[in-house]
Amino acid sequence: MWSSKVGRNPIEFMRHQMHQLVDIFCDRTQHQSRGAPQQRLRLGEVEDGFNEIMLEAVDLHHHQNNDEESSPLLPEVRQELRSRVLRSSVLELEEKEHPGVRKTEESFCDRALRSFRRLLYQLQLKWQAALAWLREKVAAGFQAFCNAVEAICSAFNSFCTSVAQVFRSAVQA
């Protein structure tokens, strides 16, 4: 799977895959039965597809732009990112907006478009939250690493001071 994508721009890969997914969604929506449960199912498939495509693009971008040894994307961080973005929000979309009230004058296409826009908005929020979490995680990790280096430097300075005192005492004696 990687071999077919290596050498491709990860952003272009992502856009191409997402356009294909939108085309499939539109074709299925147009040619299949028109009901809210089927629409939610299709939106769920789109959400899952978008998330998988974006995760794959992140991996591809990281692989192409970073030396794995000098800049590892820790497996735990990668797994937590995956877990955060793969939490489905499609069912929440319909339930959050007036669960018992349906706009009877709204056409199926209008409702599908409205739902799709909400899905895109929810995905944006989800990925922005994941990015904020990742930034916090990296900052905390670097802070912890800096604290460790500071502690070692402090201990080394103390060692140097004590060795200097020993040498001074030896020279004076």
N, C-alpha and C. Protein backbone atom coordinates (compact mmCIF):
# COMPACT_ATOMS: atom_id res chain seq x y z
N MET A 1 0.82 -1.19 0.00
CA MET A 1 0.00 0.00 0.00
C MET A 1 0.87 1.26 0.00
N TRP A 2 1.93 1.26 0.83
CA TRP A 2 2.81 2.41 0.88
C TRP A 2 3.48 2.64 -0.47
N SER A 3 3.86 1.55 -1.14
CA SER A 3 4.63 1.69 -2.37
C SER A 3 3.89 2.49 -3.43
N SER A 4 2.57 2.37 -3.48
CA SER A 4 1.82 3.12 -4.49
C SER A 4 1.70 4.59 -4.14
N LYS A 5 1.94 4.94 -2.87
CA LYS A 5 1.77 6.32 -2.44
C LYS A 5 3.09 7.05 -2.24
N VAL A 6 4.18 6.29 -2.09
CA VAL A 6 5.47 6.93 -1.87
C VAL A 6 5.79 7.74 -3.11
N GLY A 7 6.28 8.93 -2.89
CA GLY A 7 6.58 9.81 -4.00
C GLY A 7 5.44 10.75 -4.32
N ARG A 8 4.25 10.45 -3.82
CA ARG A 8 3.11 11.33 -4.03
C ARG A 8 3.07 12.36 -2.93
N ASN A 9 2.56 13.51 -3.26
CA ASN A 9 2.36 14.55 -2.27
C ASN A 9 1.23 14.11 -1.35
N PRO A 10 1.48 14.04 -0.05
CA PRO A 10 0.44 13.56 0.87
C PRO A 10 -0.84 14.40 0.83
N ILE A 11 -0.70 15.70 0.63
CA ILE A 11 -1.87 16.57 0.58
C ILE A 11 -2.68 16.28 -0.69
N GLU A 12 -1.98 16.13 -1.80
CA GLU A 12 -2.68 15.80 -3.05
C GLU A 12 -3.32 14.42 -2.97
N PHE A 13 -2.62 13.48 -2.37
CA PHE A 13 -3.18 12.15 -2.15
C PHE A 13 -4.48 12.26 -1.35
N MET A 14 -4.44 13.03 -0.26
CA MET A 14 -5.61 13.19 0.60
C MET A 14 -6.77 13.83 -0.17
N ARG A 15 -6.49 14.90 -0.89
CA ARG A 15 -7.54 15.58 -1.66
C ARG A 15 -8.18 14.65 -2.69
N HIS A 16 -7.32 13.93 -3.39
CA HIS A 16 -7.82 13.01 -4.42
C HIS A 16 -8.74 11.95 -3.80
N GLN A 17 -8.28 11.34 -2.71
CA GLN A 17 -9.07 10.31 -2.04
C GLN A 17 -10.39 10.88 -1.51
N MET A 18 -10.34 12.08 -0.96
CA MET A 18 -11.56 12.69 -0.41
C MET A 18 -12.55 13.03 -1.51
N HIS A 19 -12.04 13.53 -2.63
CA HIS A 19 -12.94 13.81 -3.76
C HIS A 19 -13.62 12.53 -4.24
N GLN A 20 -12.87 11.46 -4.30
CA GLN A 20 -13.46 10.18 -4.69
C GLN A 20 -14.54 9.76 -3.71
N LEU A 21 -14.29 9.94 -2.43
CA LEU A 21 -15.26 9.57 -1.40
C LEU A 21 -16.52 10.41 -1.51
N VAL A 22 -16.37 11.71 -1.78
CA VAL A 22 -17.53 12.58 -1.95
C VAL A 22 -18.32 12.15 -3.19
N ASP A 23 -17.63 11.82 -4.27
CA ASP A 23 -18.32 11.34 -5.48
C ASP A 23 -19.13 10.08 -5.19
N ILE A 24 -18.54 9.16 -4.46
CA ILE A 24 -19.25 7.92 -4.11
C ILE A 24 -20.46 8.23 -3.25
N PHE A 25 -20.29 9.12 -2.26
CA PHE A 25 -21.41 9.52 -1.40
C PHE A 25 -22.54 10.11 -2.23
N CYS A 26 -22.20 11.02 -3.15
CA CYS A 26 -23.23 11.66 -3.98
C CYS A 26 -23.93 10.64 -4.87
N ASP A 27 -23.16 9.75 -5.48
CA ASP A 27 -23.77 8.72 -6.33
C ASP A 27 -24.71 7.83 -5.54
N ARG A 28 -24.27 7.38 -4.38
CA ARG A 28 -25.13 6.51 -3.56
C ARG A 28 -26.36 7.25 -3.07
N THR A 29 -26.18 8.49 -2.68
CA THR A 29 -27.31 9.28 -2.18
C THR A 29 -28.33 9.49 -3.28
N GLN A 30 -27.86 9.71 -4.48
CA GLN A 30 -28.75 9.97 -5.60
C GLN A 30 -29.48 8.70 -6.07
N HIS A 31 -28.82 7.55 -6.00
CA HIS A 31 -29.38 6.34 -6.58
C HIS A 31 -30.01 5.36 -5.60
N GLN A 32 -29.86 5.60 -4.30
CA GLN A 32 -30.43 4.67 -3.34
C GLN A 32 -31.66 5.27 -2.70
N SER A 33 -32.30 4.45 -1.88
CA SER A 33 -33.53 4.90 -1.23
C SER A 33 -33.26 6.14 -0.41
N ARG A 34 -34.26 6.96 -0.29
CA ARG A 34 -34.11 8.25 0.37
C ARG A 34 -34.73 8.22 1.75
N GLY A 35 -33.91 7.95 2.74
CA GLY A 35 -34.38 7.93 4.11
C GLY A 35 -33.29 8.38 5.06
N ALA A 36 -33.71 8.90 6.18
CA ALA A 36 -32.75 9.42 7.17
C ALA A 36 -31.79 8.34 7.68
N PRO A 37 -32.26 7.11 7.98
CA PRO A 37 -31.31 6.10 8.47
C PRO A 37 -30.22 5.77 7.44
N GLN A 38 -30.61 5.65 6.16
CA GLN A 38 -29.62 5.36 5.12
C GLN A 38 -28.65 6.53 4.96
N GLN A 39 -29.20 7.75 5.08
CA GLN A 39 -28.36 8.93 4.95
C GLN A 39 -27.34 8.97 6.09
N ARG A 40 -27.78 8.68 7.31
CA ARG A 40 -26.86 8.66 8.45
C ARG A 40 -25.78 7.60 8.26
N LEU A 41 -26.19 6.44 7.74
CA LEU A 41 -25.24 5.37 7.50
C LEU A 41 -24.20 5.82 6.48
N ARG A 42 -24.66 6.44 5.39
CA ARG A 42 -23.72 6.91 4.37
C ARG A 42 -22.82 8.01 4.93
N LEU A 43 -23.37 8.91 5.74
CA LEU A 43 -22.55 9.94 6.36
C LEU A 43 -21.51 9.32 7.30
N GLY A 44 -21.91 8.28 8.00
CA GLY A 44 -20.96 7.58 8.87
C GLY A 44 -19.82 6.97 8.07
N GLU A 45 -20.15 6.41 6.90
CA GLU A 45 -19.12 5.86 6.03
C GLU A 45 -18.18 6.95 5.53
N VAL A 46 -18.75 8.11 5.20
CA VAL A 46 -17.93 9.24 4.74
C VAL A 46 -17.02 9.72 5.87
N GLU A 47 -17.59 9.85 7.06
CA GLU A 47 -16.79 10.29 8.21
C GLU A 47 -15.64 9.32 8.45
N ASP A 48 -15.93 8.03 8.49
CA ASP A 48 -14.89 7.03 8.70
C ASP A 48 -13.84 7.09 7.59
N GLY A 49 -14.32 7.23 6.36
CA GLY A 49 -13.40 7.32 5.22
C GLY A 49 -12.51 8.54 5.29
N PHE A 50 -13.09 9.70 5.58
CA PHE A 50 -12.29 10.92 5.71
C PHE A 50 -11.24 10.77 6.80
N ASN A 51 -11.65 10.25 7.94
CA ASN A 51 -10.70 10.09 9.04
C ASN A 51 -9.56 9.15 8.66
N GLU A 52 -9.88 8.03 8.03
CA GLU A 52 -8.83 7.08 7.61
C GLU A 52 -7.90 7.71 6.58
N ILE A 53 -8.47 8.45 5.64
CA ILE A 53 -7.66 9.11 4.62
C ILE A 53 -6.73 10.13 5.26
N MET A 54 -7.25 10.92 6.19
CA MET A 54 -6.42 11.94 6.84
C MET A 54 -5.34 11.31 7.70
N LEU A 55 -5.67 10.24 8.41
CA LEU A 55 -4.65 9.54 9.20
C LEU A 55 -3.56 8.97 8.30
N GLU A 56 -3.97 8.42 7.18
CA GLU A 56 -3.00 7.87 6.23
C GLU A 56 -2.12 8.98 5.66
N ALA A 57 -2.72 10.14 5.38
CA ALA A 57 -1.96 11.28 4.87
C ALA A 57 -0.97 11.79 5.93
N VAL A 58 -1.38 11.79 7.19
CA VAL A 58 -0.46 12.19 8.27
C VAL A 58 0.73 11.24 8.29
N ASP A 59 0.47 9.95 8.25
CA ASP A 59 1.57 8.97 8.26
C ASP A 59 2.48 9.15 7.04
N LEU A 60 1.88 9.32 5.87
CA LEU A 60 2.65 9.50 4.65
C LEU A 60 3.49 10.77 4.72
N HIS A 61 2.88 11.86 5.16
CA HIS A 61 3.59 13.13 5.28
C HIS A 61 4.75 13.00 6.27
N HIS A 62 4.49 12.38 7.41
CA HIS A 62 5.54 12.19 8.42
C HIS A 62 6.66 11.31 7.87
N HIS A 63 6.28 10.26 7.19
CA HIS A 63 7.27 9.32 6.62
C HIS A 63 8.15 10.02 5.58
N GLN A 64 7.54 10.87 4.74
CA GLN A 64 8.29 11.53 3.68
C GLN A 64 9.15 12.69 4.18
N ASN A 65 8.74 13.32 5.27
CA ASN A 65 9.40 14.55 5.70
C ASN A 65 10.25 14.43 6.95
N ASN A 66 10.31 13.26 7.55
CA ASN A 66 11.07 13.10 8.78
C ASN A 66 11.85 11.80 8.76
N ASP A 67 13.02 11.86 9.33
CA ASP A 67 13.82 10.67 9.55
C ASP A 67 13.24 9.97 10.77
N GLU A 68 12.80 8.75 10.61
CA GLU A 68 12.15 8.01 11.70
C GLU A 68 13.02 7.92 12.94
N GLU A 69 14.34 7.84 12.76
CA GLU A 69 15.22 7.72 13.92
C GLU A 69 15.35 9.03 14.68
N SER A 70 15.41 10.15 13.95
CA SER A 70 15.60 11.43 14.63
C SER A 70 14.28 12.07 15.05
N SER A 71 13.20 11.66 14.43
CA SER A 71 11.90 12.25 14.75
C SER A 71 10.82 11.17 14.76
N PRO A 72 10.88 10.27 15.73
CA PRO A 72 9.89 9.19 15.72
C PRO A 72 8.51 9.68 16.13
N LEU A 73 7.52 9.20 15.43
CA LEU A 73 6.14 9.45 15.86
C LEU A 73 5.81 8.25 16.74
N LEU A 74 5.87 8.48 18.03
CA LEU A 74 5.73 7.39 18.97
C LEU A 74 4.46 6.60 18.72
N PRO A 75 4.55 5.28 18.78
CA PRO A 75 3.36 4.45 18.53
C PRO A 75 2.19 4.80 19.44
N GLU A 76 2.48 5.14 20.71
CA GLU A 76 1.38 5.49 21.63
C GLU A 76 0.68 6.77 21.19
N VAL A 77 1.48 7.74 20.72
CA VAL A 77 0.90 9.02 20.28
C VAL A 77 0.10 8.79 19.01
N ARG A 78 0.65 8.02 18.10
CA ARG A 78 -0.05 7.72 16.85
C ARG A 78 -1.37 7.00 17.15
N GLN A 79 -1.35 6.04 18.07
CA GLN A 79 -2.56 5.30 18.41
C GLN A 79 -3.59 6.20 19.09
N GLU A 80 -3.13 7.07 19.98
CA GLU A 80 -4.06 7.99 20.66
C GLU A 80 -4.68 8.97 19.67
N LEU A 81 -3.89 9.46 18.72
CA LEU A 81 -4.44 10.34 17.68
C LEU A 81 -5.51 9.60 16.90
N ARG A 82 -5.21 8.38 16.50
CA ARG A 82 -6.18 7.55 15.77
C ARG A 82 -7.45 7.38 16.59
N SER A 83 -7.30 7.08 17.85
CA SER A 83 -8.45 6.88 18.73
C SER A 83 -9.29 8.14 18.85
N ARG A 84 -8.63 9.28 18.94
CA ARG A 84 -9.36 10.55 19.10
C ARG A 84 -10.16 10.91 17.85
N VAL A 85 -9.59 10.68 16.68
CA VAL A 85 -10.31 11.10 15.47
C VAL A 85 -11.29 10.05 14.97
N LEU A 86 -11.14 8.81 15.39
CA LEU A 86 -12.06 7.78 14.91
C LEU A 86 -13.34 7.68 15.74
N ARG A 87 -13.48 8.49 16.77
CA ARG A 87 -14.72 8.51 17.53
C ARG A 87 -15.80 9.12 16.65
N SER A 88 -16.81 8.34 16.36
CA SER A 88 -17.85 8.77 15.43
C SER A 88 -18.68 9.91 16.01
N SER A 89 -19.06 10.82 15.11
CA SER A 89 -19.91 11.94 15.54
C SER A 89 -21.17 12.04 14.70
N VAL A 90 -21.37 11.15 13.72
CA VAL A 90 -22.52 11.24 12.83
C VAL A 90 -23.83 11.12 13.59
N LEU A 91 -23.95 10.13 14.45
CA LEU A 91 -25.21 9.97 15.17
C LEU A 91 -25.48 11.16 16.08
N GLU A 92 -24.42 11.77 16.61
CA GLU A 92 -24.58 12.95 17.44
C GLU A 92 -25.14 14.10 16.62
N LEU A 93 -24.78 14.17 15.35
CA LEU A 93 -25.22 15.29 14.52
C LEU A 93 -26.73 15.39 14.45
N GLU A 94 -27.37 14.28 14.15
CA GLU A 94 -28.82 14.28 14.01
C GLU A 94 -29.51 14.49 15.35
N GLU A 95 -28.98 13.89 16.40
CA GLU A 95 -29.63 13.94 17.69
C GLU A 95 -29.49 15.30 18.35
N LYS A 96 -28.40 16.00 18.09
CA LYS A 96 -28.19 17.30 18.72
C LYS A 96 -29.12 18.36 18.16
N GLU A 97 -29.50 18.22 16.92
CA GLU A 97 -30.33 19.25 16.31
C GLU A 97 -31.79 18.84 16.37
N HIS A 98 -32.48 19.26 17.39
CA HIS A 98 -33.92 19.03 17.56
C HIS A 98 -34.31 17.59 17.22
N PRO A 99 -34.02 16.65 18.09
CA PRO A 99 -34.22 15.23 17.80
C PRO A 99 -35.64 14.87 17.40
N GLY A 100 -36.64 15.52 17.94
CA GLY A 100 -38.02 15.15 17.62
C GLY A 100 -38.62 15.95 16.49
N VAL A 101 -37.95 16.99 16.05
CA VAL A 101 -38.52 17.90 15.06
C VAL A 101 -37.84 17.70 13.72
N ARG A 102 -38.60 17.52 12.68
CA ARG A 102 -38.10 17.41 11.31
C ARG A 102 -38.71 18.54 10.50
N LYS A 103 -37.90 19.11 9.63
CA LYS A 103 -38.40 20.16 8.75
C LYS A 103 -39.11 19.47 7.59
N THR A 104 -40.42 19.47 7.62
CA THR A 104 -41.18 18.74 6.60
C THR A 104 -41.05 19.38 5.23
N GLU A 105 -40.85 20.69 5.17
CA GLU A 105 -40.76 21.36 3.88
C GLU A 105 -39.37 21.22 3.25
N GLU A 106 -38.41 20.70 4.00
CA GLU A 106 -37.05 20.56 3.49
C GLU A 106 -36.95 19.33 2.60
N SER A 107 -36.37 19.51 1.42
CA SER A 107 -36.20 18.39 0.50
C SER A 107 -35.10 17.46 1.00
N PHE A 108 -35.11 16.26 0.45
CA PHE A 108 -34.10 15.28 0.83
C PHE A 108 -32.70 15.80 0.51
N CYS A 109 -32.54 16.40 -0.67
CA CYS A 109 -31.22 16.92 -1.07
C CYS A 109 -30.76 18.04 -0.14
N ASP A 110 -31.69 18.92 0.24
CA ASP A 110 -31.33 19.99 1.17
C ASP A 110 -30.91 19.42 2.52
N ARG A 111 -31.65 18.43 2.98
CA ARG A 111 -31.32 17.81 4.26
C ARG A 111 -29.96 17.09 4.18
N ALA A 112 -29.71 16.41 3.05
CA ALA A 112 -28.43 15.72 2.87
C ALA A 112 -27.28 16.73 2.85
N LEU A 113 -27.48 17.84 2.15
CA LEU A 113 -26.45 18.87 2.09
C LEU A 113 -26.20 19.47 3.47
N ARG A 114 -27.26 19.75 4.20
CA ARG A 114 -27.13 20.31 5.55
C ARG A 114 -26.39 19.32 6.45
N SER A 115 -26.74 18.06 6.37
CA SER A 115 -26.07 17.04 7.18
C SER A 115 -24.60 16.91 6.81
N PHE A 116 -24.31 16.97 5.51
CA PHE A 116 -22.93 16.85 5.05
C PHE A 116 -22.10 18.04 5.54
N ARG A 117 -22.68 19.23 5.48
CA ARG A 117 -21.97 20.41 5.99
C ARG A 117 -21.70 20.29 7.49
N ARG A 118 -22.68 19.79 8.23
CA ARG A 118 -22.48 19.59 9.67
C ARG A 118 -21.38 18.56 9.91
N LEU A 119 -21.37 17.51 9.09
CA LEU A 119 -20.34 16.49 9.22
C LEU A 119 -18.96 17.11 9.00
N LEU A 120 -18.81 17.91 7.96
CA LEU A 120 -17.52 18.54 7.69
C LEU A 120 -17.11 19.46 8.84
N TYR A 121 -18.08 20.19 9.37
CA TYR A 121 -17.80 21.08 10.51
C TYR A 121 -17.36 20.26 11.72
N GLN A 122 -18.06 19.16 12.00
CA GLN A 122 -17.69 18.30 13.13
C GLN A 122 -16.30 17.71 12.94
N LEU A 123 -15.98 17.32 11.70
CA LEU A 123 -14.65 16.78 11.43
C LEU A 123 -13.58 17.84 11.65
N GLN A 124 -13.86 19.08 11.22
CA GLN A 124 -12.91 20.16 11.46
C GLN A 124 -12.67 20.35 12.96
N LEU A 125 -13.74 20.38 13.72
CA LEU A 125 -13.61 20.55 15.17
C LEU A 125 -12.82 19.39 15.79
N LYS A 126 -13.13 18.19 15.34
CA LYS A 126 -12.47 17.00 15.88
C LYS A 126 -10.96 17.03 15.60
N TRP A 127 -10.59 17.37 14.36
CA TRP A 127 -9.18 17.39 14.00
C TRP A 127 -8.45 18.57 14.65
N GLN A 128 -9.14 19.70 14.82
CA GLN A 128 -8.52 20.82 15.53
C GLN A 128 -8.27 20.46 16.98
N ALA A 129 -9.22 19.77 17.60
CA ALA A 129 -9.05 19.32 18.99
C ALA A 129 -7.91 18.31 19.09
N ALA A 130 -7.81 17.41 18.11
CA ALA A 130 -6.72 16.43 18.11
C ALA A 130 -5.37 17.13 17.95
N LEU A 131 -5.32 18.15 17.10
CA LEU A 131 -4.08 18.90 16.92
C LEU A 131 -3.71 19.64 18.20
N ALA A 132 -4.68 20.25 18.86
CA ALA A 132 -4.42 20.94 20.13
C ALA A 132 -3.90 19.94 21.17
N TRP A 133 -4.52 18.76 21.24
CA TRP A 133 -4.05 17.72 22.17
C TRP A 133 -2.61 17.34 21.85
N LEU A 134 -2.32 17.15 20.56
CA LEU A 134 -0.97 16.74 20.16
C LEU A 134 0.05 17.82 20.52
N ARG A 135 -0.31 19.07 20.30
CA ARG A 135 0.61 20.16 20.66
C ARG A 135 0.88 20.17 22.16
N GLU A 136 -0.16 19.97 22.96
CA GLU A 136 0.01 19.90 24.42
C GLU A 136 0.91 18.73 24.80
N LYS A 137 0.68 17.59 24.15
CA LYS A 137 1.46 16.38 24.43
C LYS A 137 2.93 16.62 24.10
N VAL A 138 3.19 17.22 22.96
CA VAL A 138 4.56 17.49 22.55
C VAL A 138 5.21 18.49 23.50
N ALA A 139 4.48 19.57 23.82
CA ALA A 139 5.02 20.57 24.73
C ALA A 139 5.32 19.95 26.10
N ALA A 140 4.41 19.14 26.59
CA ALA A 140 4.63 18.48 27.89
C ALA A 140 5.82 17.53 27.81
N GLY A 141 5.92 16.81 26.72
CA GLY A 141 7.04 15.89 26.54
C GLY A 141 8.37 16.62 26.48
N PHE A 142 8.40 17.72 25.73
CA PHE A 142 9.62 18.50 25.66
C PHE A 142 9.94 19.15 27.00
N GLN A 143 8.91 19.61 27.70
CA GLN A 143 9.15 20.21 29.02
C GLN A 143 9.73 19.17 29.97
N ALA A 144 9.17 17.98 29.95
CA ALA A 144 9.69 16.91 30.81
C ALA A 144 11.14 16.58 30.43
N PHE A 145 11.41 16.55 29.14
CA PHE A 145 12.77 16.27 28.67
C PHE A 145 13.71 17.40 29.08
N CYS A 146 13.26 18.65 28.93
CA CYS A 146 14.06 19.80 29.36
C CYS A 146 14.34 19.74 30.86
N ASN A 147 13.32 19.38 31.63
CA ASN A 147 13.51 19.25 33.08
C ASN A 147 14.56 18.19 33.40
N ALA A 148 14.53 17.09 32.67
CA ALA A 148 15.52 16.02 32.88
C ALA A 148 16.92 16.51 32.54
N VAL A 149 17.04 17.23 31.42
CA VAL A 149 18.35 17.76 31.03
C VAL A 149 18.83 18.79 32.05
N GLU A 150 17.92 19.65 32.51
CA GLU A 150 18.29 20.63 33.54
C GLU A 150 18.77 19.94 34.81
N ALA A 151 18.09 18.89 35.23
CA ALA A 151 18.50 18.16 36.44
C ALA A 151 19.89 17.55 36.26
N ILE A 152 20.15 16.99 35.10
CA ILE A 152 21.46 16.39 34.83
C ILE A 152 22.53 17.47 34.79
N CYS A 153 22.22 18.59 34.13
CA CYS A 153 23.19 19.70 34.08
C CYS A 153 23.49 20.23 35.48
N SER A 154 22.46 20.36 36.29
CA SER A 154 22.65 20.83 37.66
C SER A 154 23.52 19.85 38.45
N ALA A 155 23.25 18.57 38.30
CA ALA A 155 24.06 17.55 38.99
C ALA A 155 25.49 17.58 38.49
N PHE A 156 25.67 17.77 37.18
CA PHE A 156 27.01 17.84 36.61
C PHE A 156 27.75 19.08 37.13
N ASN A 157 27.04 20.21 37.22
CA ASN A 157 27.66 21.43 37.76
C ASN A 157 28.09 21.22 39.21
N SER A 158 27.25 20.56 39.99
CA SER A 158 27.61 20.25 41.38
C SER A 158 28.84 19.35 41.43
N PHE A 159 28.88 18.37 40.54
CA PHE A 159 30.03 17.48 40.47
C PHE A 159 31.29 18.27 40.14
N CYS A 160 31.19 19.14 39.14
CA CYS A 160 32.35 19.95 38.74
C CYS A 160 32.82 20.83 39.90
N THR A 161 31.87 21.41 40.61
CA THR A 161 32.22 22.26 41.76
C THR A 161 32.94 21.46 42.83
N SER A 162 32.43 20.29 43.14
CA SER A 162 33.06 19.47 44.18
C SER A 162 34.43 18.97 43.74
N VAL A 163 34.59 18.62 42.47
CA VAL A 163 35.89 18.18 41.96
C VAL A 163 36.87 19.35 42.02
N ALA A 164 36.39 20.54 41.66
CA ALA A 164 37.26 21.72 41.73
C ALA A 164 37.72 21.97 43.16
N GLN A 165 36.82 21.79 44.11
CA GLN A 165 37.18 21.98 45.52
C GLN A 165 38.22 20.94 45.96
N VAL A 166 38.05 19.71 45.51
CA VAL A 166 39.02 18.66 45.85
C VAL A 166 40.39 19.02 45.29
N PHE A 167 40.44 19.50 44.04
CA PHE A 167 41.72 19.87 43.44
C PHE A 167 42.34 21.06 44.16
N ARG A 168 41.51 22.04 44.52
CA ARG A 168 42.03 23.19 45.26
C ARG A 168 42.64 22.73 46.59
N SER A 169 41.92 21.85 47.27
CA SER A 169 42.42 21.34 48.56
C SER A 169 43.73 20.58 48.37
N ALA A 170 43.82 19.80 47.30
CA ALA A 170 45.03 19.01 47.03
C ALA A 170 46.20 19.93 46.68
N VAL A 171 45.94 20.99 45.93
CA VAL A 171 46.99 21.91 45.52
C VAL A 171 47.47 22.72 46.73
N GLN A 172 46.58 23.10 47.61
CA GLN A 172 46.94 23.90 48.78
C GLN A 172 47.68 23.07 49.81
N ALA A 173 47.52 21.81 49.82
CA ALA A 173 48.15 20.97 50.85
C ALA A 173 49.56 20.64 50.56
